[in-house]
């Protein structure tokens, strides 16, 4: 959204947007492999079924969008014959043929998917804060990159986790 709103910095922002999108694609692929090798901790037993469904669905949507968005962007730029310069002379090959109509469709899709990713992230983040600050059921602590202090239980009690 900042890229579109900033006319003076637009070209500079686009020049970093492209390699960042590809970096995100690579990092999400690594993250997905890691998640497949190391499954997420189970959700609390007392969590309602609808919350479990929403949590699982939001994960699938987030991973799907984080894969789709860079690929759609790459395809969009390929259809417009715009190079994706990663650094200096290093650039990605086109993945789709030059086609103005395809470019227009993919540009719209890229925008819609970006807003959908933003909305999904905000919803997921809000749910994480709800678990951390209101429910205090240990769900947030299981997502956090820091772990509970050594010797503490992980029963989900209020004081079992570092916040």
N, C-alpha and C. Protein backbone atom coordinates (compact mmCIF):
# COMPACT_ATOMS: atom_id res chain seq x y z
N UNK A 1 0.83 -1.18 0.00
CA UNK A 1 0.00 0.00 0.00
C UNK A 1 0.87 1.24 0.00
N UNK A 2 2.01 1.17 0.70
CA UNK A 2 2.91 2.31 0.72
C UNK A 2 3.54 2.57 -0.64
N UNK A 3 3.74 1.50 -1.40
CA UNK A 3 4.34 1.64 -2.72
C UNK A 3 3.41 2.44 -3.64
N UNK A 4 2.15 2.13 -3.60
CA UNK A 4 1.18 2.79 -4.46
C UNK A 4 0.97 4.24 -4.01
N UNK A 5 1.02 4.48 -2.71
CA UNK A 5 0.74 5.81 -2.18
C UNK A 5 1.92 6.77 -2.35
N UNK A 6 3.09 6.25 -2.60
CA UNK A 6 4.28 7.09 -2.69
C UNK A 6 4.71 7.26 -4.15
N UNK A 7 4.43 8.42 -4.70
CA UNK A 7 4.82 8.66 -6.09
C UNK A 7 6.31 8.95 -6.22
N UNK A 8 6.88 9.64 -5.25
CA UNK A 8 8.29 10.02 -5.37
C UNK A 8 9.23 8.83 -5.19
N UNK A 9 8.86 7.86 -4.37
CA UNK A 9 9.73 6.71 -4.11
C UNK A 9 9.28 5.45 -4.84
N UNK A 10 8.33 5.55 -5.73
CA UNK A 10 7.73 4.39 -6.36
C UNK A 10 8.76 3.48 -7.04
N UNK A 11 9.62 4.03 -7.87
CA UNK A 11 10.57 3.20 -8.61
C UNK A 11 11.58 2.53 -7.68
N UNK A 12 12.01 3.23 -6.66
CA UNK A 12 12.93 2.64 -5.68
C UNK A 12 12.23 1.51 -4.93
N UNK A 13 10.98 1.73 -4.53
CA UNK A 13 10.23 0.70 -3.81
C UNK A 13 9.99 -0.53 -4.69
N UNK A 14 9.70 -0.32 -5.97
CA UNK A 14 9.51 -1.46 -6.88
C UNK A 14 10.82 -2.24 -7.02
N UNK A 15 11.94 -1.53 -7.05
CA UNK A 15 13.22 -2.21 -7.23
C UNK A 15 13.58 -3.11 -6.04
N UNK A 16 13.08 -2.79 -4.85
CA UNK A 16 13.32 -3.70 -3.72
C UNK A 16 12.16 -4.67 -3.53
N UNK A 17 10.99 -4.34 -4.05
CA UNK A 17 9.81 -5.20 -3.92
C UNK A 17 10.01 -6.54 -4.64
N UNK A 18 10.58 -6.49 -5.82
CA UNK A 18 10.76 -7.71 -6.63
C UNK A 18 11.68 -8.72 -5.95
N UNK A 19 12.90 -8.34 -5.57
CA UNK A 19 13.76 -9.34 -4.93
C UNK A 19 13.22 -9.78 -3.57
N UNK A 20 12.54 -8.89 -2.86
CA UNK A 20 11.95 -9.29 -1.58
C UNK A 20 10.86 -10.33 -1.78
N UNK A 21 10.07 -10.19 -2.84
CA UNK A 21 9.05 -11.19 -3.14
C UNK A 21 9.65 -12.56 -3.40
N UNK A 22 10.74 -12.59 -4.14
CA UNK A 22 11.41 -13.86 -4.42
C UNK A 22 12.03 -14.43 -3.15
N UNK A 23 12.61 -13.56 -2.32
CA UNK A 23 13.17 -14.01 -1.04
C UNK A 23 12.07 -14.61 -0.17
N UNK A 24 10.92 -13.98 -0.14
CA UNK A 24 9.79 -14.52 0.63
C UNK A 24 9.39 -15.88 0.10
N UNK A 25 9.36 -16.04 -1.21
CA UNK A 25 9.02 -17.33 -1.81
C UNK A 25 10.00 -18.42 -1.35
N UNK A 26 11.28 -18.11 -1.36
CA UNK A 26 12.31 -19.08 -0.93
C UNK A 26 12.16 -19.38 0.56
N UNK A 27 11.98 -18.34 1.37
CA UNK A 27 11.85 -18.55 2.82
C UNK A 27 10.59 -19.33 3.18
N UNK A 28 9.50 -19.09 2.47
CA UNK A 28 8.27 -19.83 2.74
C UNK A 28 8.45 -21.30 2.36
N UNK A 29 9.17 -21.57 1.28
CA UNK A 29 9.44 -22.96 0.91
C UNK A 29 10.25 -23.66 2.00
N UNK A 30 11.26 -22.97 2.51
CA UNK A 30 12.07 -23.53 3.60
C UNK A 30 11.21 -23.74 4.85
N UNK A 31 10.37 -22.75 5.14
CA UNK A 31 9.50 -22.83 6.33
C UNK A 31 8.52 -23.99 6.20
N UNK A 32 7.98 -24.20 5.01
CA UNK A 32 7.03 -25.29 4.81
C UNK A 32 7.72 -26.65 5.00
N UNK A 33 8.93 -26.79 4.48
CA UNK A 33 9.68 -28.04 4.67
C UNK A 33 9.93 -28.26 6.16
N UNK A 34 10.32 -27.19 6.86
CA UNK A 34 10.55 -27.29 8.30
C UNK A 34 9.27 -27.68 9.03
N UNK A 35 8.13 -27.09 8.64
CA UNK A 35 6.86 -27.40 9.29
C UNK A 35 6.46 -28.85 9.03
N UNK A 36 6.76 -29.36 7.84
CA UNK A 36 6.43 -30.76 7.54
C UNK A 36 7.31 -31.72 8.34
N UNK A 37 8.56 -31.34 8.57
CA UNK A 37 9.47 -32.18 9.36
C UNK A 37 9.24 -32.02 10.86
N UNK A 38 8.79 -30.85 11.29
CA UNK A 38 8.56 -30.55 12.70
C UNK A 38 7.14 -30.01 12.85
N UNK A 39 6.17 -30.89 13.05
CA UNK A 39 4.77 -30.44 13.13
C UNK A 39 4.55 -29.43 14.26
N UNK A 40 3.54 -28.60 14.07
CA UNK A 40 3.18 -27.59 15.07
C UNK A 40 2.67 -28.29 16.33
N UNK A 41 2.83 -27.64 17.50
CA UNK A 41 2.28 -28.22 18.72
C UNK A 41 0.76 -28.30 18.63
N UNK A 42 0.20 -29.25 19.34
CA UNK A 42 -1.26 -29.39 19.30
C UNK A 42 -1.92 -28.23 20.03
N UNK A 43 -3.13 -27.96 19.63
CA UNK A 43 -3.91 -26.89 20.26
C UNK A 43 -4.47 -27.40 21.58
N UNK A 44 -4.83 -26.51 22.50
CA UNK A 44 -5.37 -26.95 23.79
C UNK A 44 -6.63 -27.79 23.62
N UNK A 45 -6.80 -28.77 24.51
CA UNK A 45 -7.94 -29.67 24.42
C UNK A 45 -9.28 -28.93 24.55
N UNK A 46 -9.29 -27.87 25.34
CA UNK A 46 -10.53 -27.14 25.58
C UNK A 46 -10.91 -26.17 24.48
N UNK A 47 -10.10 -26.05 23.45
CA UNK A 47 -10.41 -25.10 22.37
C UNK A 47 -11.59 -25.60 21.56
N UNK A 48 -12.58 -24.73 21.32
CA UNK A 48 -13.75 -25.14 20.54
C UNK A 48 -13.36 -25.58 19.12
N UNK A 49 -14.16 -26.46 18.56
CA UNK A 49 -13.89 -27.02 17.23
C UNK A 49 -13.84 -25.93 16.17
N UNK A 50 -14.68 -24.92 16.26
CA UNK A 50 -14.70 -23.87 15.24
C UNK A 50 -13.38 -23.08 15.27
N UNK A 51 -12.81 -22.89 16.47
CA UNK A 51 -11.53 -22.18 16.56
C UNK A 51 -10.39 -23.03 15.98
N UNK A 52 -10.46 -24.33 16.21
CA UNK A 52 -9.46 -25.22 15.62
C UNK A 52 -9.53 -25.17 14.09
N UNK A 53 -10.76 -25.19 13.58
CA UNK A 53 -10.96 -25.12 12.13
C UNK A 53 -10.42 -23.80 11.58
N UNK A 54 -10.74 -22.70 12.22
CA UNK A 54 -10.29 -21.38 11.77
C UNK A 54 -8.77 -21.29 11.84
N UNK A 55 -8.17 -21.81 12.90
CA UNK A 55 -6.71 -21.77 13.04
C UNK A 55 -6.05 -22.57 11.92
N UNK A 56 -6.54 -23.77 11.67
CA UNK A 56 -5.97 -24.60 10.60
C UNK A 56 -6.17 -23.95 9.24
N UNK A 57 -7.37 -23.46 8.99
CA UNK A 57 -7.68 -22.83 7.71
C UNK A 57 -6.81 -21.60 7.48
N UNK A 58 -6.61 -20.79 8.53
CA UNK A 58 -5.80 -19.58 8.36
C UNK A 58 -4.35 -19.93 8.05
N UNK A 59 -3.85 -21.02 8.62
CA UNK A 59 -2.49 -21.45 8.30
C UNK A 59 -2.39 -21.85 6.83
N UNK A 60 -3.35 -22.62 6.37
CA UNK A 60 -3.34 -23.06 4.96
C UNK A 60 -3.44 -21.85 4.04
N UNK A 61 -4.32 -20.91 4.36
CA UNK A 61 -4.49 -19.72 3.53
C UNK A 61 -3.21 -18.88 3.54
N UNK A 62 -2.60 -18.70 4.72
CA UNK A 62 -1.36 -17.92 4.80
C UNK A 62 -0.25 -18.55 3.95
N UNK A 63 -0.03 -19.85 4.10
CA UNK A 63 1.01 -20.51 3.31
C UNK A 63 0.68 -20.42 1.81
N UNK A 64 -0.58 -20.67 1.46
CA UNK A 64 -0.98 -20.61 0.06
C UNK A 64 -0.75 -19.23 -0.54
N UNK A 65 -1.13 -18.19 0.19
CA UNK A 65 -0.95 -16.84 -0.31
C UNK A 65 0.52 -16.44 -0.38
N UNK A 66 1.30 -16.88 0.61
CA UNK A 66 2.72 -16.53 0.58
C UNK A 66 3.46 -17.24 -0.56
N UNK A 67 2.92 -18.36 -1.05
CA UNK A 67 3.47 -18.99 -2.25
C UNK A 67 2.91 -18.34 -3.50
N UNK A 68 1.60 -18.14 -3.52
CA UNK A 68 0.93 -17.65 -4.74
C UNK A 68 1.32 -16.22 -5.09
N UNK A 69 1.40 -15.36 -4.11
CA UNK A 69 1.64 -13.95 -4.38
C UNK A 69 2.95 -13.69 -5.12
N UNK A 70 4.09 -14.23 -4.67
CA UNK A 70 5.32 -14.03 -5.44
C UNK A 70 5.27 -14.68 -6.82
N UNK A 71 4.64 -15.85 -6.92
CA UNK A 71 4.55 -16.52 -8.22
C UNK A 71 3.68 -15.73 -9.20
N UNK A 72 2.57 -15.19 -8.71
CA UNK A 72 1.71 -14.37 -9.57
C UNK A 72 2.46 -13.10 -9.98
N UNK A 73 3.19 -12.50 -9.04
CA UNK A 73 3.99 -11.32 -9.37
C UNK A 73 5.04 -11.62 -10.41
N UNK A 74 5.72 -12.74 -10.26
CA UNK A 74 6.75 -13.16 -11.24
C UNK A 74 6.11 -13.39 -12.60
N UNK A 75 4.97 -14.08 -12.60
CA UNK A 75 4.26 -14.31 -13.86
C UNK A 75 3.77 -13.01 -14.48
N UNK A 76 3.29 -12.11 -13.66
CA UNK A 76 2.81 -10.82 -14.15
C UNK A 76 3.94 -10.05 -14.84
N UNK A 77 5.08 -9.99 -14.19
CA UNK A 77 6.22 -9.28 -14.77
C UNK A 77 6.75 -9.98 -16.02
N UNK A 78 6.69 -11.30 -16.02
CA UNK A 78 7.09 -12.04 -17.21
C UNK A 78 6.16 -11.72 -18.38
N UNK A 79 4.85 -11.66 -18.12
CA UNK A 79 3.89 -11.37 -19.18
C UNK A 79 4.06 -9.95 -19.72
N UNK A 80 4.61 -9.05 -18.91
CA UNK A 80 4.83 -7.67 -19.35
C UNK A 80 6.24 -7.47 -19.90
N UNK A 81 7.06 -8.51 -19.87
CA UNK A 81 8.47 -8.46 -20.29
C UNK A 81 9.30 -7.53 -19.41
N UNK A 82 8.94 -7.44 -18.14
CA UNK A 82 9.75 -6.69 -17.18
C UNK A 82 10.72 -7.66 -16.52
N UNK A 83 11.98 -7.31 -16.43
CA UNK A 83 12.94 -8.22 -15.78
C UNK A 83 12.78 -8.19 -14.26
N UNK A 84 13.08 -9.29 -13.63
CA UNK A 84 13.14 -9.34 -12.17
C UNK A 84 14.61 -9.42 -11.81
N UNK A 85 15.16 -8.26 -11.49
CA UNK A 85 16.58 -8.16 -11.16
C UNK A 85 16.73 -8.43 -9.68
N UNK A 86 17.49 -9.46 -9.36
CA UNK A 86 17.72 -9.80 -7.96
C UNK A 86 18.83 -8.95 -7.37
N UNK A 87 19.96 -8.89 -8.08
CA UNK A 87 21.08 -8.08 -7.62
C UNK A 87 22.06 -7.93 -8.77
N UNK A 88 22.39 -6.70 -9.11
CA UNK A 88 23.33 -6.46 -10.21
C UNK A 88 22.86 -7.11 -11.49
N UNK A 89 23.69 -7.94 -12.11
CA UNK A 89 23.29 -8.58 -13.38
C UNK A 89 22.43 -9.84 -13.18
N UNK A 90 22.25 -10.27 -11.93
CA UNK A 90 21.49 -11.50 -11.66
C UNK A 90 20.00 -11.22 -11.76
N UNK A 91 19.36 -11.89 -12.72
CA UNK A 91 17.92 -11.74 -12.88
C UNK A 91 17.26 -13.07 -13.15
N UNK A 92 15.97 -13.14 -12.85
CA UNK A 92 15.21 -14.37 -13.04
C UNK A 92 14.71 -14.48 -14.47
N UNK A 93 14.60 -15.71 -14.97
CA UNK A 93 14.05 -15.89 -16.32
C UNK A 93 12.53 -15.71 -16.29
N UNK A 94 11.94 -15.36 -17.42
CA UNK A 94 10.47 -15.25 -17.45
C UNK A 94 9.83 -16.64 -17.30
N UNK A 95 8.68 -16.68 -16.64
CA UNK A 95 7.99 -17.95 -16.46
C UNK A 95 6.71 -18.04 -17.29
N UNK A 96 6.33 -16.92 -17.92
CA UNK A 96 5.16 -16.89 -18.79
C UNK A 96 5.50 -16.11 -20.06
N UNK A 97 4.77 -16.38 -21.15
CA UNK A 97 5.03 -15.64 -22.39
C UNK A 97 4.51 -14.21 -22.30
N UNK A 98 5.05 -13.36 -23.15
CA UNK A 98 4.60 -11.97 -23.21
C UNK A 98 3.16 -11.93 -23.70
N UNK A 99 2.29 -11.29 -22.90
CA UNK A 99 0.87 -11.19 -23.25
C UNK A 99 0.26 -10.07 -22.42
N UNK A 100 -0.20 -9.01 -23.08
CA UNK A 100 -0.73 -7.84 -22.38
C UNK A 100 -2.00 -8.16 -21.59
N UNK A 101 -2.86 -9.01 -22.14
CA UNK A 101 -4.09 -9.38 -21.44
C UNK A 101 -3.77 -10.19 -20.19
N UNK A 102 -2.86 -11.15 -20.32
CA UNK A 102 -2.44 -11.95 -19.17
C UNK A 102 -1.82 -11.06 -18.10
N UNK A 103 -1.01 -10.09 -18.51
CA UNK A 103 -0.42 -9.14 -17.57
C UNK A 103 -1.52 -8.41 -16.79
N UNK A 104 -2.54 -7.93 -17.48
CA UNK A 104 -3.62 -7.19 -16.82
C UNK A 104 -4.36 -8.06 -15.81
N UNK A 105 -4.63 -9.30 -16.19
CA UNK A 105 -5.32 -10.22 -15.29
C UNK A 105 -4.45 -10.51 -14.07
N UNK A 106 -3.17 -10.79 -14.29
CA UNK A 106 -2.27 -11.11 -13.18
C UNK A 106 -2.02 -9.90 -12.28
N UNK A 107 -2.01 -8.71 -12.86
CA UNK A 107 -1.82 -7.50 -12.04
C UNK A 107 -2.99 -7.34 -11.06
N UNK A 108 -4.21 -7.54 -11.57
CA UNK A 108 -5.39 -7.48 -10.70
C UNK A 108 -5.33 -8.59 -9.65
N UNK A 109 -4.97 -9.79 -10.08
CA UNK A 109 -4.88 -10.91 -9.15
C UNK A 109 -3.83 -10.64 -8.08
N UNK A 110 -2.70 -10.07 -8.46
CA UNK A 110 -1.63 -9.76 -7.50
C UNK A 110 -2.13 -8.77 -6.44
N UNK A 111 -2.87 -7.77 -6.87
CA UNK A 111 -3.41 -6.78 -5.94
C UNK A 111 -4.43 -7.42 -5.00
N UNK A 112 -5.35 -8.19 -5.54
CA UNK A 112 -6.38 -8.84 -4.73
C UNK A 112 -5.74 -9.80 -3.73
N UNK A 113 -4.78 -10.60 -4.18
CA UNK A 113 -4.10 -11.54 -3.29
C UNK A 113 -3.31 -10.82 -2.20
N UNK A 114 -2.73 -9.67 -2.54
CA UNK A 114 -1.98 -8.90 -1.54
C UNK A 114 -2.91 -8.41 -0.44
N UNK A 115 -4.08 -7.89 -0.82
CA UNK A 115 -5.04 -7.44 0.19
C UNK A 115 -5.57 -8.60 1.01
N UNK A 116 -5.78 -9.74 0.35
CA UNK A 116 -6.23 -10.93 1.07
C UNK A 116 -5.17 -11.41 2.06
N UNK A 117 -3.90 -11.38 1.65
CA UNK A 117 -2.82 -11.76 2.57
C UNK A 117 -2.77 -10.81 3.75
N UNK A 118 -2.89 -9.52 3.48
CA UNK A 118 -2.87 -8.53 4.56
C UNK A 118 -4.02 -8.78 5.53
N UNK A 119 -5.23 -9.00 5.02
CA UNK A 119 -6.39 -9.25 5.89
C UNK A 119 -6.23 -10.54 6.68
N UNK A 120 -5.72 -11.59 6.04
CA UNK A 120 -5.52 -12.87 6.73
C UNK A 120 -4.47 -12.73 7.82
N UNK A 121 -3.39 -12.00 7.53
CA UNK A 121 -2.35 -11.78 8.53
C UNK A 121 -2.91 -11.01 9.73
N UNK A 122 -3.67 -9.96 9.48
CA UNK A 122 -4.24 -9.17 10.57
C UNK A 122 -5.18 -10.02 11.42
N UNK A 123 -6.01 -10.84 10.78
CA UNK A 123 -6.92 -11.71 11.52
C UNK A 123 -6.14 -12.73 12.35
N UNK A 124 -5.11 -13.32 11.76
CA UNK A 124 -4.30 -14.32 12.47
C UNK A 124 -3.56 -13.68 13.65
N UNK A 125 -2.99 -12.51 13.41
CA UNK A 125 -2.28 -11.79 14.46
C UNK A 125 -3.24 -11.40 15.59
N UNK A 126 -4.43 -10.97 15.23
CA UNK A 126 -5.43 -10.61 16.24
C UNK A 126 -5.82 -11.82 17.09
N UNK A 127 -5.98 -12.96 16.44
CA UNK A 127 -6.30 -14.18 17.19
C UNK A 127 -5.15 -14.57 18.11
N UNK A 128 -3.91 -14.41 17.64
CA UNK A 128 -2.75 -14.71 18.49
C UNK A 128 -2.73 -13.81 19.72
N UNK A 129 -3.01 -12.53 19.52
CA UNK A 129 -3.06 -11.60 20.67
C UNK A 129 -4.20 -11.96 21.61
N UNK A 130 -5.32 -12.40 21.06
CA UNK A 130 -6.46 -12.81 21.90
C UNK A 130 -6.04 -13.98 22.79
N UNK A 131 -5.32 -14.94 22.23
CA UNK A 131 -4.86 -16.08 23.02
C UNK A 131 -3.82 -15.65 24.05
N UNK A 132 -2.98 -14.68 23.70
CA UNK A 132 -1.92 -14.25 24.61
C UNK A 132 -2.45 -13.40 25.74
N UNK A 133 -3.33 -12.47 25.42
CA UNK A 133 -3.73 -11.47 26.41
C UNK A 133 -5.05 -11.76 27.12
N UNK A 134 -5.94 -12.49 26.48
CA UNK A 134 -7.25 -12.72 27.08
C UNK A 134 -7.42 -14.17 27.53
N UNK A 135 -7.27 -15.12 26.60
CA UNK A 135 -7.46 -16.53 26.97
C UNK A 135 -6.32 -17.06 27.83
N UNK A 136 -5.10 -16.65 27.54
CA UNK A 136 -3.90 -17.13 28.24
C UNK A 136 -3.88 -18.65 28.35
N UNK A 137 -4.10 -19.28 27.22
CA UNK A 137 -4.21 -20.74 27.19
C UNK A 137 -2.96 -21.45 26.67
N UNK A 138 -1.88 -20.69 26.45
CA UNK A 138 -0.63 -21.29 26.02
C UNK A 138 -0.47 -21.37 24.51
N UNK A 139 -1.50 -21.01 23.75
CA UNK A 139 -1.41 -21.08 22.29
C UNK A 139 -0.36 -20.09 21.78
N UNK A 140 -0.38 -18.87 22.29
CA UNK A 140 0.59 -17.87 21.85
C UNK A 140 2.02 -18.30 22.19
N UNK A 141 2.21 -18.81 23.38
CA UNK A 141 3.55 -19.25 23.77
C UNK A 141 4.07 -20.37 22.88
N UNK A 142 3.17 -21.21 22.41
CA UNK A 142 3.61 -22.30 21.52
C UNK A 142 4.01 -21.77 20.14
N UNK A 143 3.52 -20.58 19.77
CA UNK A 143 3.88 -19.97 18.49
C UNK A 143 5.14 -19.12 18.59
N UNK A 144 5.42 -18.62 19.78
CA UNK A 144 6.51 -17.67 19.95
C UNK A 144 7.87 -18.33 19.72
N UNK A 145 8.83 -17.52 19.28
CA UNK A 145 10.16 -18.05 19.02
C UNK A 145 10.93 -18.28 20.31
N UNK A 146 10.51 -17.67 21.42
CA UNK A 146 11.12 -17.95 22.70
C UNK A 146 10.33 -19.06 23.37
N UNK A 147 10.94 -19.73 24.28
CA UNK A 147 10.28 -20.87 24.94
C UNK A 147 10.11 -20.57 26.42
N UNK A 148 9.27 -21.37 27.06
CA UNK A 148 9.05 -21.22 28.50
C UNK A 148 10.36 -21.48 29.24
N UNK A 149 10.50 -20.87 30.39
CA UNK A 149 11.72 -21.08 31.19
C UNK A 149 11.88 -22.55 31.54
N UNK A 150 13.12 -22.95 31.67
CA UNK A 150 13.41 -24.34 32.01
C UNK A 150 12.73 -24.71 33.32
N UNK A 151 12.14 -25.86 33.38
CA UNK A 151 11.51 -26.34 34.59
C UNK A 151 10.05 -25.95 34.70
N UNK A 152 9.56 -25.07 33.82
CA UNK A 152 8.17 -24.69 33.91
C UNK A 152 7.30 -25.70 33.20
N UNK A 153 6.09 -25.83 33.69
CA UNK A 153 5.14 -26.73 33.05
C UNK A 153 4.58 -26.06 31.80
N UNK A 154 4.03 -26.85 30.92
CA UNK A 154 3.39 -26.30 29.73
C UNK A 154 1.93 -26.72 29.72
N UNK A 155 1.27 -26.51 30.85
CA UNK A 155 -0.12 -26.92 30.97
C UNK A 155 -1.08 -25.89 30.44
N UNK A 156 -0.59 -24.69 30.14
CA UNK A 156 -1.47 -23.65 29.65
C UNK A 156 -1.96 -22.74 30.76
N UNK A 157 -1.50 -22.97 31.99
CA UNK A 157 -1.91 -22.09 33.07
C UNK A 157 -1.33 -20.69 32.83
N UNK A 158 -1.97 -19.68 33.41
CA UNK A 158 -1.63 -18.30 33.15
C UNK A 158 -0.16 -17.98 33.34
N UNK A 159 0.43 -18.47 34.37
CA UNK A 159 1.80 -18.06 34.70
C UNK A 159 2.87 -19.01 34.20
N UNK A 160 2.53 -19.94 33.32
CA UNK A 160 3.50 -20.91 32.85
C UNK A 160 4.40 -20.39 31.73
N UNK A 161 4.07 -19.27 31.14
CA UNK A 161 4.82 -18.80 29.98
C UNK A 161 5.35 -17.41 30.20
N UNK A 162 6.41 -17.12 29.50
CA UNK A 162 6.98 -15.77 29.51
C UNK A 162 6.27 -14.97 28.44
N UNK A 163 5.73 -13.84 28.80
CA UNK A 163 5.08 -12.98 27.80
C UNK A 163 5.80 -11.68 27.70
